[in-house]
Amino acid sequence: MGLLDDLAGKAQGLFGECGEEGSLLKGVVEMLSDKEEGGLAGLVQSFQQKGLGEVISSWISTGQNLPISPEQIKEGFGSEALQTLAAKTGISTEEATAKLSELMPHLVDKMTPDGVIPEGGVLEKGLDFLKSKLV
C-alpha cells in the first residue's frame, strides 16, 4: 500500500492530522466510495459532462496531472455537493474548493495507479485504507 501511504501522508500534510480540514478529506473519500452516488466513476462522469473531462482524465492516466482551479472544482462537483462537504466540516465553501483543487489531482491519481478506475475490491480496499488513516 505504499502509494496509499504516500497519499495519506500528503493529505495529512495538506489538511493536518485532525480537525475540520481532515474531515473534508474524509468526506471526499466517503463520496468516492459511495456506490449509490456513483463513486469515483460518477465524479468522472460529472466532470466530463461539465467540460472538465480532459482535466480528470489526466489524473486517471499515467501521465502528468493537469491542475484544476477552485472554480473548476465548483463546476465539477456542483455547488450542492461542495456546500454539503463544507457544512460537515465547518469551513467555508470557498476554503473547501481551494483545498480540493490542491488535493483532488493527487487523490484521483493515487486511486488509479494503472491509468484506469479499478473495479470493486481494489478501489474499496484503497478507500478503506485512507479512511483508517484519517480517523
C-alpha atoms as a PDB file:
ATOM      1  CA  MET A   1       0.000   0.000   0.000  1.00  0.00           C
ATOM      2  CA  GLY A   2       2.962   2.341  -0.499  1.00  0.00           C
ATOM      3  CA  LEU A   3       1.093   4.618  -2.874  1.00  0.00           C
ATOM      4  CA  LEU A   4      -1.797   4.986  -0.464  1.00  0.00           C
ATOM      5  CA  ASP A   5       0.571   5.592   2.460  1.00  0.00           C
ATOM      6  CA  ASP A   6       2.143   8.353   0.398  1.00  0.00           C
ATOM      7  CA  LEU A   7      -1.256   9.830  -0.407  1.00  0.00           C
ATOM      8  CA  ALA A   8      -2.371   9.683   3.214  1.00  0.00           C
ATOM      9  CA  GLY A   9       0.821  11.471   4.219  1.00  0.00           C
ATOM     10  CA  LYS A  10       0.308  14.167   1.597  1.00  0.00           C
ATOM     11  CA  ALA A  11      -3.316  14.554   2.585  1.00  0.00           C
ATOM     12  CA  GLN A  12      -2.417  14.889   6.247  1.00  0.00           C
ATOM     13  CA  GLY A  13       0.249  17.417   5.331  1.00  0.00           C
ATOM     14  CA  LEU A  14      -2.272  19.406   3.338  1.00  0.00           C
ATOM     15  CA  PHE A  15      -5.151  19.120   5.773  1.00  0.00           C
ATOM     16  CA  GLY A  16      -3.421  18.443   9.061  1.00  0.00           C
ATOM     17  CA  GLU A  17      -3.623  15.368  11.241  1.00  0.00           C
ATOM     18  CA  CYS A  18      -7.087  16.185  12.500  1.00  0.00           C
ATOM     19  CA  GLY A  19      -9.616  18.968  12.681  1.00  0.00           C
ATOM     20  CA  GLU A  20     -12.091  20.383  10.231  1.00  0.00           C
ATOM     21  CA  GLU A  21      -9.874  20.085   7.157  1.00  0.00           C
ATOM     22  CA  GLY A  22      -9.219  16.404   7.863  1.00  0.00           C
ATOM     23  CA  SER A  23     -12.967  15.964   7.974  1.00  0.00           C
ATOM     24  CA  LEU A  24     -13.169  17.440   4.470  1.00  0.00           C
ATOM     25  CA  LEU A  25     -10.794  14.793   3.170  1.00  0.00           C
ATOM     26  CA  LYS A  26     -12.755  12.097   4.967  1.00  0.00           C
ATOM     27  CA  GLY A  27     -15.956  13.433   3.361  1.00  0.00           C
ATOM     28  CA  VAL A  28     -14.395  13.260  -0.105  1.00  0.00           C
ATOM     29  CA  VAL A  29     -13.172   9.705   0.480  1.00  0.00           C
ATOM     30  CA  GLU A  30     -16.682   8.733   1.613  1.00  0.00           C
ATOM     31  CA  MET A  31     -18.141  10.345  -1.515  1.00  0.00           C
ATOM     32  CA  LEU A  32     -15.716   8.471  -3.757  1.00  0.00           C
ATOM     33  CA  SER A  33     -16.707   5.191  -2.115  1.00  0.00           C
ATOM     34  CA  ASP A  34     -20.483   5.847  -2.217  1.00  0.00           C
ATOM     35  CA  LYS A  35     -21.818   3.369  -4.766  1.00  0.00           C
ATOM     36  CA  GLU A  36     -25.301   4.937  -4.727  1.00  0.00           C
ATOM     37  CA  GLU A  37     -23.867   8.267  -5.896  1.00  0.00           C
ATOM     38  CA  GLY A  38     -21.619   6.598  -8.463  1.00  0.00           C
ATOM     39  CA  GLY A  39     -18.344   6.878  -6.546  1.00  0.00           C
ATOM     40  CA  LEU A  40     -15.248   7.843  -8.485  1.00  0.00           C
ATOM     41  CA  ALA A  41     -16.839   6.844 -11.797  1.00  0.00           C
ATOM     42  CA  GLY A  42     -19.777   9.156 -11.046  1.00  0.00           C
ATOM     43  CA  LEU A  43     -17.410  12.025 -10.315  1.00  0.00           C
ATOM     44  CA  VAL A  44     -15.575  11.363 -13.597  1.00  0.00           C
ATOM     45  CA  GLN A  45     -18.884  11.414 -15.443  1.00  0.00           C
ATOM     46  CA  SER A  46     -19.879  14.697 -13.787  1.00  0.00           C
ATOM     47  CA  PHE A  47     -16.576  16.310 -14.732  1.00  0.00           C
ATOM     48  CA  GLN A  48     -16.890  15.053 -18.313  1.00  0.00           C
ATOM     49  CA  GLN A  49     -20.436  16.381 -18.659  1.00  0.00           C
ATOM     50  CA  LYS A  50     -19.283  19.789 -17.462  1.00  0.00           C
ATOM     51  CA  GLY A  51     -16.411  20.087 -19.926  1.00  0.00           C
ATOM     52  CA  LEU A  52     -13.684  19.022 -17.489  1.00  0.00           C
ATOM     53  CA  GLY A  53     -13.088  15.554 -18.943  1.00  0.00           C
ATOM     54  CA  GLU A  54      -9.550  16.342 -20.087  1.00  0.00           C
ATOM     55  CA  VAL A  55      -8.592  17.502 -16.592  1.00  0.00           C
ATOM     56  CA  ILE A  56      -9.943  14.498 -14.673  1.00  0.00           C
ATOM     57  CA  SER A  57      -8.713  12.096 -17.368  1.00  0.00           C
ATOM     58  CA  SER A  58      -5.186  13.434 -16.813  1.00  0.00           C
ATOM     59  CA  TRP A  59      -5.448  12.492 -13.131  1.00  0.00           C
ATOM     60  CA  ILE A  60      -6.514   8.948 -14.028  1.00  0.00           C
ATOM     61  CA  SER A  61      -3.929   8.446 -16.769  1.00  0.00           C
ATOM     62  CA  THR A  62      -0.327   7.607 -16.023  1.00  0.00           C
ATOM     63  CA  GLY A  63       0.893  10.933 -17.429  1.00  0.00           C
ATOM     64  CA  GLN A  64       1.140  14.415 -15.935  1.00  0.00           C
ATOM     65  CA  ASN A  65      -1.806  15.665 -13.841  1.00  0.00           C
ATOM     66  CA  LEU A  66      -3.386  18.841 -15.122  1.00  0.00           C
ATOM     67  CA  PRO A  67      -4.088  21.453 -12.444  1.00  0.00           C
ATOM     68  CA  ILE A  68      -7.619  22.495 -11.544  1.00  0.00           C
ATOM     69  CA  SER A  69      -8.835  25.815 -10.241  1.00  0.00           C
ATOM     70  CA  PRO A  70     -11.285  26.239  -7.361  1.00  0.00           C
ATOM     71  CA  GLU A  71     -13.835  27.492  -9.911  1.00  0.00           C
ATOM     72  CA  GLN A  72     -13.442  24.283 -11.928  1.00  0.00           C
ATOM     73  CA  ILE A  73     -13.783  22.211  -8.737  1.00  0.00           C
ATOM     74  CA  LYS A  74     -17.059  24.003  -8.047  1.00  0.00           C
ATOM     75  CA  GLU A  75     -18.228  23.258 -11.584  1.00  0.00           C
ATOM     76  CA  GLY A  76     -17.163  19.594 -11.484  1.00  0.00           C
ATOM     77  CA  PHE A  77     -18.518  18.750  -8.040  1.00  0.00           C
ATOM     78  CA  GLY A  78     -21.527  21.010  -8.162  1.00  0.00           C
ATOM     79  CA  SER A  79     -22.419  23.675  -5.619  1.00  0.00           C
ATOM     80  CA  GLU A  80     -24.690  21.414  -3.589  1.00  0.00           C
ATOM     81  CA  ALA A  81     -22.059  18.712  -3.042  1.00  0.00           C
ATOM     82  CA  LEU A  82     -19.452  21.298  -2.065  1.00  0.00           C
ATOM     83  CA  GLN A  83     -21.829  23.007   0.343  1.00  0.00           C
ATOM     84  CA  THR A  84     -22.581  19.646   1.947  1.00  0.00           C
ATOM     85  CA  LEU A  85     -18.875  18.814   2.313  1.00  0.00           C
ATOM     86  CA  ALA A  86     -18.104  22.256   3.721  1.00  0.00           C
ATOM     87  CA  ALA A  87     -21.031  22.143   6.154  1.00  0.00           C
ATOM     88  CA  LYS A  88     -19.854  18.768   7.515  1.00  0.00           C
ATOM     89  CA  THR A  89     -16.501  20.291   8.378  1.00  0.00           C
ATOM     90  CA  GLY A  90     -17.495  23.781   9.426  1.00  0.00           C
ATOM     91  CA  ILE A  91     -15.306  25.502   6.824  1.00  0.00           C
ATOM     92  CA  SER A  92     -16.455  27.840   4.100  1.00  0.00           C
ATOM     93  CA  THR A  93     -17.324  26.552   0.648  1.00  0.00           C
ATOM     94  CA  GLU A  94     -14.554  28.767  -0.749  1.00  0.00           C
ATOM     95  CA  GLU A  95     -11.972  27.217   1.571  1.00  0.00           C
ATOM     96  CA  ALA A  96     -13.209  23.729   0.714  1.00  0.00           C
ATOM     97  CA  THR A  97     -12.960  24.353  -3.039  1.00  0.00           C
ATOM     98  CA  ALA A  98      -9.454  25.806  -2.666  1.00  0.00           C
ATOM     99  CA  LYS A  99      -8.259  22.791  -0.662  1.00  0.00           C
ATOM    100  CA  LEU A 100      -9.947  20.339  -3.027  1.00  0.00           C
ATOM    101  CA  SER A 101      -8.260  21.961  -6.031  1.00  0.00           C
ATOM    102  CA  GLU A 102      -4.936  21.016  -4.417  1.00  0.00           C
ATOM    103  CA  LEU A 103      -5.984  17.555  -3.223  1.00  0.00           C
ATOM    104  CA  MET A 104      -8.107  16.044  -5.995  1.00  0.00           C
ATOM    105  CA  PRO A 105      -5.416  15.642  -8.688  1.00  0.00           C
ATOM    106  CA  HIS A 106      -3.262  13.683  -6.201  1.00  0.00           C
ATOM    107  CA  LEU A 107      -6.147  11.703  -4.726  1.00  0.00           C
ATOM    108  CA  VAL A 108      -7.559  10.537  -8.061  1.00  0.00           C
ATOM    109  CA  ASP A 109      -4.056   9.894  -9.426  1.00  0.00           C
ATOM    110  CA  LYS A 110      -3.155   7.658  -6.480  1.00  0.00           C
ATOM    111  CA  MET A 111      -6.508   5.850  -6.640  1.00  0.00           C
ATOM    112  CA  THR A 112      -5.873   4.976 -10.303  1.00  0.00           C
ATOM    113  CA  PRO A 113      -2.181   3.976 -10.455  1.00  0.00           C
ATOM    114  CA  ASP A 114      -2.634   1.833 -13.571  1.00  0.00           C
ATOM    115  CA  GLY A 115      -4.382   4.570 -15.531  1.00  0.00           C
ATOM    116  CA  VAL A 116      -7.874   3.077 -15.124  1.00  0.00           C
ATOM    117  CA  ILE A 117     -10.572   3.216 -12.478  1.00  0.00           C
ATOM    118  CA  PRO A 118     -10.253  -0.032 -10.521  1.00  0.00           C
ATOM    119  CA  GLU A 119     -13.392  -2.076 -10.225  1.00  0.00           C
ATOM    120  CA  GLY A 120     -14.732  -3.286  -6.923  1.00  0.00           C
ATOM    121  CA  GLY A 121     -12.301  -4.688  -4.412  1.00  0.00           C
ATOM    122  CA  VAL A 122      -9.098  -2.782  -5.157  1.00  0.00           C
ATOM    123  CA  LEU A 123     -10.709   0.661  -5.008  1.00  0.00           C
ATOM    124  CA  GLU A 124     -12.741  -0.234  -1.935  1.00  0.00           C
ATOM    125  CA  LYS A 125      -9.639  -1.525  -0.138  1.00  0.00           C
ATOM    126  CA  GLY A 126      -7.769   1.655  -1.001  1.00  0.00           C
ATOM    127  CA  LEU A 127     -10.597   3.870   0.206  1.00  0.00           C
ATOM    128  CA  ASP A 128     -10.948   1.832   3.401  1.00  0.00           C
ATOM    129  CA  PHE A 129      -7.216   2.234   3.964  1.00  0.00           C
ATOM    130  CA  LEU A 130      -7.457   6.005   3.533  1.00  0.00           C
ATOM    131  CA  LYS A 131     -10.433   6.170   5.899  1.00  0.00           C
ATOM    132  CA  SER A 132      -8.431   4.293   8.540  1.00  0.00           C
ATOM    133  CA  LYS A 133      -5.587   6.821   8.227  1.00  0.00           C
ATOM    134  CA  LEU A 134      -7.998   9.725   8.719  1.00  0.00           C
ATOM    135  CA  VAL A 135      -9.645   8.529  11.924  1.00  0.00           C
END
